[in-house]
PDB file of N, CA and C in Angstrom:
ATOM      1  N   MET A   1     -21.556 -33.034  43.453  1.00  0.00           N
ATOM      2  CA  MET A   1     -20.925 -31.753  43.232  1.00  0.00           C
ATOM      3  C   MET A   1     -20.167 -31.797  41.900  1.00  0.00           C
ATOM      4  N   ALA A   2     -20.504 -30.920  40.992  1.00  0.00           N
ATOM      5  CA  ALA A   2     -19.900 -30.873  39.670  1.00  0.00           C
ATOM      6  C   ALA A   2     -18.591 -30.089  39.723  1.00  0.00           C
ATOM      7  N   PHE A   3     -17.645 -30.525  38.891  1.00  0.00           N
ATOM      8  CA  PHE A   3     -16.354 -29.840  38.828  1.00  0.00           C
ATOM      9  C   PHE A   3     -16.521 -28.511  38.099  1.00  0.00           C
ATOM     10  N   MET A   4     -16.001 -27.483  38.682  1.00  0.00           N
ATOM     11  CA  MET A   4     -16.060 -26.153  38.076  1.00  0.00           C
ATOM     12  C   MET A   4     -14.625 -25.724  37.768  1.00  0.00           C
ATOM     13  N   GLY A   5     -14.293 -25.653  36.524  1.00  0.00           N
ATOM     14  CA  GLY A   5     -12.954 -25.240  36.119  1.00  0.00           C
ATOM     15  C   GLY A   5     -12.861 -23.728  36.026  1.00  0.00           C
ATOM     16  N   PRO A   6     -11.696 -23.241  35.671  1.00  0.00           N
ATOM     17  CA  PRO A   6     -11.544 -21.789  35.517  1.00  0.00           C
ATOM     18  C   PRO A   6     -12.417 -21.297  34.365  1.00  0.00           C
ATOM     19  N   GLU A   7     -12.883 -20.107  34.512  1.00  0.00           N
ATOM     20  CA  GLU A   7     -13.722 -19.523  33.462  1.00  0.00           C
ATOM     21  C   GLU A   7     -12.875 -19.240  32.231  1.00  0.00           C
ATOM     22  N   GLU A   8     -13.484 -19.467  31.106  1.00  0.00           N
ATOM     23  CA  GLU A   8     -12.788 -19.186  29.857  1.00  0.00           C
ATOM     24  C   GLU A   8     -12.741 -17.678  29.653  1.00  0.00           C
ATOM     25  N   ALA A   9     -11.558 -17.187  29.308  1.00  0.00           N
ATOM     26  CA  ALA A   9     -11.388 -15.757  29.080  1.00  0.00           C
ATOM     27  C   ALA A   9     -12.195 -15.354  27.858  1.00  0.00           C
ATOM     28  N   PRO A  10     -12.791 -14.175  27.888  1.00  0.00           N
ATOM     29  CA  PRO A  10     -13.555 -13.735  26.722  1.00  0.00           C
ATOM     30  C   PRO A  10     -12.641 -13.620  25.500  1.00  0.00           C
ATOM     31  N   ARG A  11     -13.137 -14.083  24.376  1.00  0.00           N
ATOM     32  CA  ARG A  11     -12.339 -14.047  23.152  1.00  0.00           C
ATOM     33  C   ARG A  11     -12.342 -12.636  22.575  1.00  0.00           C
ATOM     34  N   VAL A  12     -11.147 -12.185  22.244  1.00  0.00           N
ATOM     35  CA  VAL A  12     -11.014 -10.880  21.604  1.00  0.00           C
ATOM     36  C   VAL A  12     -10.588 -11.141  20.171  1.00  0.00           C
ATOM     37  N   ASP A  13     -11.270 -10.540  19.264  1.00  0.00           N
ATOM     38  CA  ASP A  13     -11.001 -10.710  17.853  1.00  0.00           C
ATOM     39  C   ASP A  13      -9.587 -10.236  17.529  1.00  0.00           C
ATOM     40  N   PHE A  14      -8.887 -10.978  16.675  1.00  0.00           N
ATOM     41  CA  PHE A  14      -7.529 -10.627  16.282  1.00  0.00           C
ATOM     42  C   PHE A  14      -7.474  -9.242  15.658  1.00  0.00           C
ATOM     43  N   ASP A  15      -8.448  -8.930  14.813  1.00  0.00           N
ATOM     44  CA  ASP A  15      -8.460  -7.616  14.153  1.00  0.00           C
ATOM     45  C   ASP A  15      -8.604  -6.483  15.161  1.00  0.00           C
ATOM     46  N   GLU A  16      -9.363  -6.729  16.237  1.00  0.00           N
ATOM     47  CA  GLU A  16      -9.508  -5.708  17.280  1.00  0.00           C
ATOM     48  C   GLU A  16      -8.173  -5.476  17.988  1.00  0.00           C
ATOM     49  N   LYS A  17      -7.461  -6.568  18.277  1.00  0.00           N
ATOM     50  CA  LYS A  17      -6.148  -6.435  18.925  1.00  0.00           C
ATOM     51  C   LYS A  17      -5.164  -5.710  18.016  1.00  0.00           C
ATOM     52  N   LEU A  18      -5.175  -6.080  16.746  1.00  0.00           N
ATOM     53  CA  LEU A  18      -4.275  -5.448  15.788  1.00  0.00           C
ATOM     54  C   LEU A  18      -4.572  -3.956  15.660  1.00  0.00           C
ATOM     55  N   ALA A  19      -5.840  -3.602  15.611  1.00  0.00           N
ATOM     56  CA  ALA A  19      -6.219  -2.187  15.525  1.00  0.00           C
ATOM     57  C   ALA A  19      -5.778  -1.427  16.766  1.00  0.00           C
ATOM     58  N   ALA A  20      -5.877  -2.071  17.934  1.00  0.00           N
ATOM     59  CA  ALA A  20      -5.454  -1.421  19.177  1.00  0.00           C
ATOM     60  C   ALA A  20      -3.947  -1.171  19.167  1.00  0.00           C
ATOM     61  N   VAL A  21      -3.184  -2.136  18.687  1.00  0.00           N
ATOM     62  CA  VAL A  21      -1.725  -1.974  18.639  1.00  0.00           C
ATOM     63  C   VAL A  21      -1.351  -0.901  17.618  1.00  0.00           C
ATOM     64  N   GLU A  22      -2.011  -0.901  16.460  1.00  0.00           N
ATOM     65  CA  GLU A  22      -1.687   0.068  15.414  1.00  0.00           C
ATOM     66  C   GLU A  22      -2.114   1.486  15.769  1.00  0.00           C
ATOM     67  N   SER A  23      -2.912   1.640  16.815  1.00  0.00           N
ATOM     68  CA  SER A  23      -3.288   2.989  17.236  1.00  0.00           C
ATOM     69  C   SER A  23      -2.215   3.617  18.121  1.00  0.00           C
ATOM     70  N   LEU A  24      -1.239   2.820  18.553  1.00  0.00           N
ATOM     71  CA  LEU A  24      -0.121   3.349  19.334  1.00  0.00           C
ATOM     72  C   LEU A  24       0.875   4.024  18.389  1.00  0.00           C
ATOM     73  N   PRO A  25       1.386   5.187  18.753  1.00  0.00           N
ATOM     74  CA  PRO A  25       2.294   5.916  17.846  1.00  0.00           C
ATOM     75  C   PRO A  25       3.484   5.093  17.358  1.00  0.00           C
ATOM     76  N   LEU A  26       4.021   4.220  18.193  1.00  0.00           N
ATOM     77  CA  LEU A  26       5.181   3.424  17.801  1.00  0.00           C
ATOM     78  C   LEU A  26       4.864   2.459  16.666  1.00  0.00           C
ATOM     79  N   PHE A  27       3.627   1.997  16.582  1.00  0.00           N
ATOM     80  CA  PHE A  27       3.259   0.976  15.604  1.00  0.00           C
ATOM     81  C   PHE A  27       2.377   1.482  14.478  1.00  0.00           C
ATOM     82  N   MET A  28       2.159   2.784  14.383  1.00  0.00           N
ATOM     83  CA  MET A  28       1.320   3.336  13.322  1.00  0.00           C
ATOM     84  C   MET A  28       1.993   3.152  11.972  1.00  0.00           C
ATOM     85  N   LYS A  29       1.200   2.755  10.979  1.00  0.00           N
ATOM     86  CA  LYS A  29       1.720   2.610   9.626  1.00  0.00           C
ATOM     87  C   LYS A  29       1.787   3.955   8.922  1.00  0.00           C
ATOM     88  N   SER A  30       0.900   4.850   9.293  1.00  0.00           N
ATOM     89  CA  SER A  30       0.926   6.205   8.763  1.00  0.00           C
ATOM     90  C   SER A  30       0.349   7.135   9.824  1.00  0.00           C
ATOM     91  N   LEU A  31       0.686   8.386   9.720  1.00  0.00           N
ATOM     92  CA  LEU A  31       0.229   9.354  10.699  1.00  0.00           C
ATOM     93  C   LEU A  31      -1.188   9.812  10.376  1.00  0.00           C
ATOM     94  N   PRO A  32      -2.026   9.977  11.402  1.00  0.00           N
ATOM     95  CA  PRO A  32      -3.381  10.457  11.151  1.00  0.00           C
ATOM     96  C   PRO A  32      -3.378  11.928  10.738  1.00  0.00           C
ATOM     97  N   GLY A  33      -4.542  12.449  10.418  1.00  0.00           N
ATOM     98  CA  GLY A  33      -4.673  13.847   9.997  1.00  0.00           C
ATOM     99  C   GLY A  33      -4.188  14.811  11.059  1.00  0.00           C
ATOM    100  N   GLU A  34      -4.120  16.063  10.695  1.00  0.00           N
ATOM    101  CA  GLU A  34      -3.573  17.111  11.554  1.00  0.00           C
ATOM    102  C   GLU A  34      -4.401  17.387  12.808  1.00  0.00           C
ATOM    103  N   ASP A  35      -5.649  16.968  12.877  1.00  0.00           N
ATOM    104  CA  ASP A  35      -6.537  17.351  13.967  1.00  0.00           C
ATOM    105  C   ASP A  35      -6.523  16.386  15.151  1.00  0.00           C
ATOM    106  N   THR A  36      -5.385  15.810  15.480  1.00  0.00           N
ATOM    107  CA  THR A  36      -5.283  14.897  16.612  1.00  0.00           C
ATOM    108  C   THR A  36      -4.937  15.653  17.886  1.00  0.00           C
ATOM    109  N   THR A  37      -5.373  15.105  19.021  1.00  0.00           N
ATOM    110  CA  THR A  37      -5.057  15.722  20.311  1.00  0.00           C
ATOM    111  C   THR A  37      -3.944  14.977  21.029  1.00  0.00           C
ATOM    112  N   ASP A  38      -3.491  13.862  20.480  1.00  0.00           N
ATOM    113  CA  ASP A  38      -2.421  13.065  21.090  1.00  0.00           C
ATOM    114  C   ASP A  38      -1.088  13.793  20.913  1.00  0.00           C
ATOM    115  N   VAL A  39      -0.435  14.092  22.014  1.00  0.00           N
ATOM    116  CA  VAL A  39       0.811  14.861  21.987  1.00  0.00           C
ATOM    117  C   VAL A  39       1.916  14.089  21.265  1.00  0.00           C
ATOM    118  N   ALA A  40       2.001  12.778  21.482  1.00  0.00           N
ATOM    119  CA  ALA A  40       3.044  11.979  20.841  1.00  0.00           C
ATOM    120  C   ALA A  40       2.869  11.979  19.325  1.00  0.00           C
ATOM    121  N   VAL A  41       1.638  11.871  18.868  1.00  0.00           N
ATOM    122  CA  VAL A  41       1.366  11.878  17.433  1.00  0.00           C
ATOM    123  C   VAL A  41       1.676  13.252  16.843  1.00  0.00           C
ATOM    124  N   GLN A  42       1.334  14.306  17.564  1.00  0.00           N
ATOM    125  CA  GLN A  42       1.643  15.656  17.097  1.00  0.00           C
ATOM    126  C   GLN A  42       3.152  15.841  16.944  1.00  0.00           C
ATOM    127  N   ALA A  43       3.935  15.300  17.882  1.00  0.00           N
ATOM    128  CA  ALA A  43       5.394  15.409  17.802  1.00  0.00           C
ATOM    129  C   ALA A  43       5.923  14.655  16.586  1.00  0.00           C
ATOM    130  N   LEU A  44       5.393  13.465  16.334  1.00  0.00           N
ATOM    131  CA  LEU A  44       5.817  12.695  15.161  1.00  0.00           C
ATOM    132  C   LEU A  44       5.454  13.416  13.863  1.00  0.00           C
ATOM    133  N   GLN A  45       4.272  14.027  13.835  1.00  0.00           N
ATOM    134  CA  GLN A  45       3.857  14.769  12.646  1.00  0.00           C
ATOM    135  C   GLN A  45       4.785  15.940  12.372  1.00  0.00           C
ATOM    136  N   SER A  46       5.174  16.634  13.421  1.00  0.00           N
ATOM    137  CA  SER A  46       6.049  17.788  13.209  1.00  0.00           C
ATOM    138  C   SER A  46       7.416  17.351  12.708  1.00  0.00           C
ATOM    139  N   LEU A  47       7.895  16.182  13.159  1.00  0.00           N
ATOM    140  CA  LEU A  47       9.184  15.680  12.679  1.00  0.00           C
ATOM    141  C   LEU A  47       9.090  15.209  11.231  1.00  0.00           C
ATOM    142  N   ALA A  48       7.991  14.549  10.886  1.00  0.00           N
ATOM    143  CA  ALA A  48       7.841  14.003   9.537  1.00  0.00           C
ATOM    144  C   ALA A  48       7.752  15.100   8.493  1.00  0.00           C
ATOM    145  N   TYR A  49       7.220  16.242   8.876  1.00  0.00           N
ATOM    146  CA  TYR A  49       7.008  17.314   7.907  1.00  0.00           C
ATOM    147  C   TYR A  49       7.909  18.518   8.160  1.00  0.00           C
ATOM    148  N   GLU A  50       9.085  18.261   8.721  1.00  0.00           N
ATOM    149  CA  GLU A  50      10.031  19.335   9.003  1.00  0.00           C
ATOM    150  C   GLU A  50      11.016  19.445   7.846  1.00  0.00           C
ATOM    151  N   GLY A  51      11.222  20.639   7.332  1.00  0.00           N
ATOM    152  CA  GLY A  51      12.177  20.856   6.251  1.00  0.00           C
ATOM    153  C   GLY A  51      11.484  21.385   5.010  1.00  0.00           C
ATOM    154  N   THR A  52      12.264  21.497   3.953  1.00  0.00           N
ATOM    155  CA  THR A  52      11.719  21.963   2.671  1.00  0.00           C
ATOM    156  C   THR A  52      10.893  20.839   2.043  1.00  0.00           C
ATOM    157  N   PRO A  53      10.038  21.162   1.085  1.00  0.00           N
ATOM    158  CA  PRO A  53       9.269  20.104   0.417  1.00  0.00           C
ATOM    159  C   PRO A  53      10.155  19.010  -0.198  1.00  0.00           C
ATOM    160  N   ASP A  54      11.308  19.397  -0.739  1.00  0.00           N
ATOM    161  CA  ASP A  54      12.212  18.396  -1.307  1.00  0.00           C
ATOM    162  C   ASP A  54      12.797  17.500  -0.218  1.00  0.00           C
ATOM    163  N   GLU A  55      13.149  18.064   0.925  1.00  0.00           N
ATOM    164  CA  GLU A  55      13.688  17.267   2.033  1.00  0.00           C
ATOM    165  C   GLU A  55      12.634  16.312   2.582  1.00  0.00           C
ATOM    166  N   ILE A  56      11.425  16.798   2.709  1.00  0.00           N
ATOM    167  CA  ILE A  56      10.330  15.956   3.203  1.00  0.00           C
ATOM    168  C   ILE A  56      10.078  14.812   2.226  1.00  0.00           C
ATOM    169  N   ALA A  57      10.015  15.130   0.938  1.00  0.00           N
ATOM    170  CA  ALA A  57       9.776  14.108  -0.085  1.00  0.00           C
ATOM    171  C   ALA A  57      10.910  13.082  -0.114  1.00  0.00           C
ATOM    172  N   GLN A  58      12.140  13.545   0.032  1.00  0.00           N
ATOM    173  CA  GLN A  58      13.296  12.642   0.056  1.00  0.00           C
ATOM    174  C   GLN A  58      13.207  11.689   1.248  1.00  0.00           C
ATOM    175  N   ASN A  59      12.796  12.205   2.401  1.00  0.00           N
ATOM    176  CA  ASN A  59      12.647  11.378   3.594  1.00  0.00           C
ATOM    177  C   ASN A  59      11.602  10.284   3.359  1.00  0.00           C
ATOM    178  N   PHE A  60      10.447  10.661   2.798  1.00  0.00           N
ATOM    179  CA  PHE A  60       9.408   9.671   2.531  1.00  0.00           C
ATOM    180  C   PHE A  60       9.865   8.671   1.470  1.00  0.00           C
ATOM    181  N   LYS A  61      10.643   9.116   0.496  1.00  0.00           N
ATOM    182  CA  LYS A  61      11.167   8.213  -0.534  1.00  0.00           C
ATOM    183  C   LYS A  61      12.084   7.169   0.094  1.00  0.00           C
ATOM    184  N   GLU A  62      12.950   7.604   0.993  1.00  0.00           N
ATOM    185  CA  GLU A  62      13.862   6.671   1.653  1.00  0.00           C
ATOM    186  C   GLU A  62      13.103   5.664   2.519  1.00  0.00           C
ATOM    187  N   GLN A  63      12.064   6.134   3.206  1.00  0.00           N
ATOM    188  CA  GLN A  63      11.257   5.203   4.004  1.00  0.00           C
ATOM    189  C   GLN A  63      10.540   4.211   3.094  1.00  0.00           C
ATOM    190  N   GLY A  64      10.014   4.697   1.977  1.00  0.00           N
ATOM    191  CA  GLY A  64       9.377   3.811   1.011  1.00  0.00           C
ATOM    192  C   GLY A  64      10.355   2.788   0.456  1.00  0.00           C
ATOM    193  N   ASN A  65      11.585   3.210   0.186  1.00  0.00           N
ATOM    194  CA  ASN A  65      12.603   2.285  -0.314  1.00  0.00           C
ATOM    195  C   ASN A  65      12.881   1.170   0.694  1.00  0.00           C
ATOM    196  N   ASP A  66      12.920   1.524   1.983  1.00  0.00           N
ATOM    197  CA  ASP A  66      13.144   0.512   3.013  1.00  0.00           C
ATOM    198  C   ASP A  66      12.020  -0.519   3.020  1.00  0.00           C
ATOM    199  N   TYR A  67      10.788  -0.050   2.900  1.00  0.00           N
ATOM    200  CA  TYR A  67       9.655  -0.971   2.873  1.00  0.00           C
ATOM    201  C   TYR A  67       9.660  -1.795   1.583  1.00  0.00           C
ATOM    202  N   PHE A  68      10.050  -1.197   0.464  1.00  0.00           N
ATOM    203  CA  PHE A  68      10.119  -1.930  -0.797  1.00  0.00           C
ATOM    204  C   PHE A  68      11.131  -3.068  -0.692  1.00  0.00           C
ATOM    205  N   LYS A  69      12.283  -2.782  -0.110  1.00  0.00           N
ATOM    206  CA  LYS A  69      13.311  -3.818   0.063  1.00  0.00           C
ATOM    207  C   LYS A  69      12.794  -4.966   0.922  1.00  0.00           C
ATOM    208  N   GLY A  70      11.930  -4.648   1.889  1.00  0.00           N
ATOM    209  CA  GLY A  70      11.340  -5.673   2.742  1.00  0.00           C
ATOM    210  C   GLY A  70      10.096  -6.307   2.137  1.00  0.00           C
ATOM    211  N   LYS A  71       9.798  -6.015   0.884  1.00  0.00           N
ATOM    212  CA  LYS A  71       8.647  -6.548   0.151  1.00  0.00           C
ATOM    213  C   LYS A  71       7.314  -6.194   0.820  1.00  0.00           C
ATOM    214  N   ARG A  72       7.275  -5.023   1.445  1.00  0.00           N
ATOM    215  CA  ARG A  72       6.045  -4.512   2.045  1.00  0.00           C
ATOM    216  C   ARG A  72       5.546  -3.390   1.130  1.00  0.00           C
ATOM    217  N   TYR A  73       5.015  -3.814  -0.016  1.00  0.00           N
ATOM    218  CA  TYR A  73       4.714  -2.903  -1.102  1.00  0.00           C
ATOM    219  C   TYR A  73       3.577  -1.933  -0.788  1.00  0.00           C
ATOM    220  N   ARG A  74       2.560  -2.383  -0.083  1.00  0.00           N
ATOM    221  CA  ARG A  74       1.440  -1.482   0.233  1.00  0.00           C
ATOM    222  C   ARG A  74       1.905  -0.321   1.123  1.00  0.00           C
ATOM    223  N   GLU A  75       2.732  -0.631   2.109  1.00  0.00           N
ATOM    224  CA  GLU A  75       3.253   0.426   2.972  1.00  0.00           C
ATOM    225  C   GLU A  75       4.177   1.354   2.195  1.00  0.00           C
ATOM    226  N   ALA A  76       4.976   0.788   1.297  1.00  0.00           N
ATOM    227  CA  ALA A  76       5.886   1.599   0.480  1.00  0.00           C
ATOM    228  C   ALA A  76       5.097   2.574  -0.383  1.00  0.00           C
ATOM    229  N   ILE A  77       3.985   2.108  -0.956  1.00  0.00           N
ATOM    230  CA  ILE A  77       3.138   2.992  -1.762  1.00  0.00           C
ATOM    231  C   ILE A  77       2.689   4.185  -0.932  1.00  0.00           C
ATOM    232  N   GLY A  78       2.334   3.938   0.317  1.00  0.00           N
ATOM    233  CA  GLY A  78       1.901   5.024   1.197  1.00  0.00           C
ATOM    234  C   GLY A  78       2.982   6.070   1.394  1.00  0.00           C
ATOM    235  N   PHE A  79       4.218   5.616   1.587  1.00  0.00           N
ATOM    236  CA  PHE A  79       5.310   6.568   1.778  1.00  0.00           C
ATOM    237  C   PHE A  79       5.622   7.335   0.498  1.00  0.00           C
ATOM    238  N   TYR A  80       5.605   6.648  -0.641  1.00  0.00           N
ATOM    239  CA  TYR A  80       5.853   7.347  -1.904  1.00  0.00           C
ATOM    240  C   TYR A  80       4.756   8.375  -2.172  1.00  0.00           C
ATOM    241  N   THR A  81       3.523   8.031  -1.834  1.00  0.00           N
ATOM    242  CA  THR A  81       2.416   8.970  -2.022  1.00  0.00           C
ATOM    243  C   THR A  81       2.569  10.180  -1.107  1.00  0.00           C
ATOM    244  N   GLN A  82       2.998   9.957   0.136  1.00  0.00           N
ATOM    245  CA  GLN A  82       3.230  11.084   1.038  1.00  0.00           C
ATOM    246  C   GLN A  82       4.356  11.970   0.501  1.00  0.00           C
ATOM    247  N   GLY A  83       5.356  11.360  -0.114  1.00  0.00           N
ATOM    248  CA  GLY A  83       6.421  12.142  -0.736  1.00  0.00           C
ATOM    249  C   GLY A  83       5.893  12.998  -1.867  1.00  0.00           C
ATOM    250  N   LEU A  84       4.984  12.443  -2.657  1.00  0.00           N
ATOM    251  CA  LEU A  84       4.371  13.211  -3.740  1.00  0.00           C
ATOM    252  C   LEU A  84       3.485  14.326  -3.192  1.00  0.00           C
ATOM    253  N   ASP A  85       2.806  14.040  -2.084  1.00  0.00           N
ATOM    254  CA  ASP A  85       1.943  15.051  -1.462  1.00  0.00           C
ATOM    255  C   ASP A  85       2.735  16.245  -0.938  1.00  0.00           C
ATOM    256  N   ALA A  86       4.035  16.042  -0.670  1.00  0.00           N
ATOM    257  CA  ALA A  86       4.885  17.145  -0.207  1.00  0.00           C
ATOM    258  C   ALA A  86       5.183  18.126  -1.333  1.00  0.00           C
ATOM    259  N   LYS A  87       4.830  17.757  -2.564  1.00  0.00           N
ATOM    260  CA  LYS A  87       5.020  18.591  -3.752  1.00  0.00           C
ATOM    261  C   LYS A  87       6.483  19.030  -3.945  1.00  0.00           C
ATOM    262  N   PRO A  88       7.373  18.038  -4.165  1.00  0.00           N
ATOM    263  CA  PRO A  88       8.778  18.395  -4.383  1.00  0.00           C
ATOM    264  C   PRO A  88       8.963  19.167  -5.682  1.00  0.00           C
ATOM    265  N   SER A  89       9.927  20.069  -5.685  1.00  0.00           N
ATOM    266  CA  SER A  89      10.186  20.869  -6.886  1.00  0.00           C
ATOM    267  C   SER A  89      11.270  20.238  -7.754  1.00  0.00           C
ATOM    268  N   GLU A  90      12.069  19.359  -7.197  1.00  0.00           N
ATOM    269  CA  GLU A  90      13.149  18.709  -7.935  1.00  0.00           C
ATOM    270  C   GLU A  90      12.559  17.621  -8.832  1.00  0.00           C
ATOM    271  N   SER A  91      12.741  17.754 -10.136  1.00  0.00           N
ATOM    272  CA  SER A  91      12.094  16.836 -11.084  1.00  0.00           C
ATOM    273  C   SER A  91      12.605  15.399 -10.946  1.00  0.00           C
ATOM    274  N   ALA A  92      13.878  15.214 -10.649  1.00  0.00           N
ATOM    275  CA  ALA A  92      14.420  13.853 -10.501  1.00  0.00           C
ATOM    276  C   ALA A  92      13.780  13.145  -9.307  1.00  0.00           C
ATOM    277  N   LEU A  93      13.554  13.871  -8.235  1.00  0.00           N
ATOM    278  CA  LEU A  93      12.922  13.299  -7.051  1.00  0.00           C
ATOM    279  C   LEU A  93      11.465  12.945  -7.342  1.00  0.00           C
ATOM    280  N   LEU A  94      10.772  13.828  -8.024  1.00  0.00           N
ATOM    281  CA  LEU A  94       9.379  13.583  -8.395  1.00  0.00           C
ATOM    282  C   LEU A  94       9.274  12.339  -9.290  1.00  0.00           C
ATOM    283  N   GLU A  95      10.165  12.232 -10.250  1.00  0.00           N
ATOM    284  CA  GLU A  95      10.169  11.078 -11.147  1.00  0.00           C
ATOM    285  C   GLU A  95      10.457   9.789 -10.377  1.00  0.00           C
ATOM    286  N   ALA A  96      11.400   9.838  -9.440  1.00  0.00           N
ATOM    287  CA  ALA A  96      11.738   8.651  -8.651  1.00  0.00           C
ATOM    288  C   ALA A  96      10.550   8.196  -7.805  1.00  0.00           C
ATOM    289  N   LEU A  97       9.851   9.144  -7.197  1.00  0.00           N
ATOM    290  CA  LEU A  97       8.680   8.794  -6.387  1.00  0.00           C
ATOM    291  C   LEU A  97       7.600   8.131  -7.243  1.00  0.00           C
ATOM    292  N   LEU A  98       7.352   8.690  -8.416  1.00  0.00           N
ATOM    293  CA  LEU A  98       6.338   8.126  -9.306  1.00  0.00           C
ATOM    294  C   LEU A  98       6.745   6.740  -9.806  1.00  0.00           C
ATOM    295  N   CYS A  99       7.995   6.576 -10.200  1.00  0.00           N
ATOM    296  CA  CYS A  99       8.480   5.281 -10.694  1.00  0.00           C
ATOM    297  C   CYS A  99       8.476   4.228  -9.585  1.00  0.00           C
ATOM    298  N   ASN A 100       8.884   4.623  -8.386  1.00  0.00           N
ATOM    299  CA  ASN A 100       8.909   3.678  -7.270  1.00  0.00           C
ATOM    300  C   ASN A 100       7.502   3.230  -6.900  1.00  0.00           C
ATOM    301  N   ARG A 101       6.576   4.172  -6.924  1.00  0.00           N
ATOM    302  CA  ARG A 101       5.189   3.813  -6.610  1.00  0.00           C
ATOM    303  C   ARG A 101       4.636   2.872  -7.683  1.00  0.00           C
ATOM    304  N   ALA A 102       4.976   3.137  -8.942  1.00  0.00           N
ATOM    305  CA  ALA A 102       4.543   2.260 -10.031  1.00  0.00           C
ATOM    306  C   ALA A 102       5.146   0.860  -9.872  1.00  0.00           C
ATOM    307  N   ALA A 103       6.404   0.789  -9.458  1.00  0.00           N
ATOM    308  CA  ALA A 103       7.054  -0.511  -9.247  1.00  0.00           C
ATOM    309  C   ALA A 103       6.335  -1.304  -8.152  1.00  0.00           C
ATOM    310  N   CYS A 104       5.900  -0.620  -7.110  1.00  0.00           N
ATOM    311  CA  CYS A 104       5.147  -1.290  -6.039  1.00  0.00           C
ATOM    312  C   CYS A 104       3.840  -1.862  -6.582  1.00  0.00           C
ATOM    313  N   ASN A 105       3.148  -1.073  -7.389  1.00  0.00           N
ATOM    314  CA  ASN A 105       1.898  -1.548  -7.977  1.00  0.00           C
ATOM    315  C   ASN A 105       2.118  -2.752  -8.880  1.00  0.00           C
ATOM    316  N   LEU A 106       3.207  -2.749  -9.618  1.00  0.00           N
ATOM    317  CA  LEU A 106       3.525  -3.908 -10.470  1.00  0.00           C
ATOM    318  C   LEU A 106       3.807  -5.141  -9.614  1.00  0.00           C
ATOM    319  N   GLU A 107       4.538  -4.987  -8.538  1.00  0.00           N
ATOM    320  CA  GLU A 107       4.833  -6.120  -7.653  1.00  0.00           C
ATOM    321  C   GLU A 107       3.564  -6.685  -7.025  1.00  0.00           C
ATOM    322  N   LEU A 108       2.614  -5.811  -6.695  1.00  0.00           N
ATOM    323  CA  LEU A 108       1.366  -6.278  -6.087  1.00  0.00           C
ATOM    324  C   LEU A 108       0.496  -7.035  -7.079  1.00  0.00           C
ATOM    325  N   ARG A 109       0.639  -6.732  -8.339  1.00  0.00           N
ATOM    326  CA  ARG A 109      -0.171  -7.411  -9.366  1.00  0.00           C
ATOM    327  C   ARG A 109       0.467  -8.707  -9.842  1.00  0.00           C
ATOM    328  N   ALA A 110       1.726  -8.913  -9.530  1.00  0.00           N
ATOM    329  CA  ALA A 110       2.435 -10.119  -9.999  1.00  0.00           C
ATOM    330  C   ALA A 110       2.001 -11.359  -9.247  1.00  0.00           C
TER     331      ALA A 110
END
């Protein structure tokens, strides 16, 4: 009689697990497009884009700054780009978003 040990659990690829976690609203790096049916994601989208274009851009700039301080430059670029996509009318804010995004690109090339 041969010894039969416990069956080995099927291996799940790390990238598959990471993608599954990042699909949860709490762990999303960025919000998906407007055509989602997930209620939690819709609520987050409405909060992220609430206010005037300058307020929205300022919010994304602050989030980008937090990621920049944590040396997470790719994520910071995403937030600065979303701030630019809000089309702020304040020239100082627009300049800050562009300069901050450029700084992230310089850090990634270093």
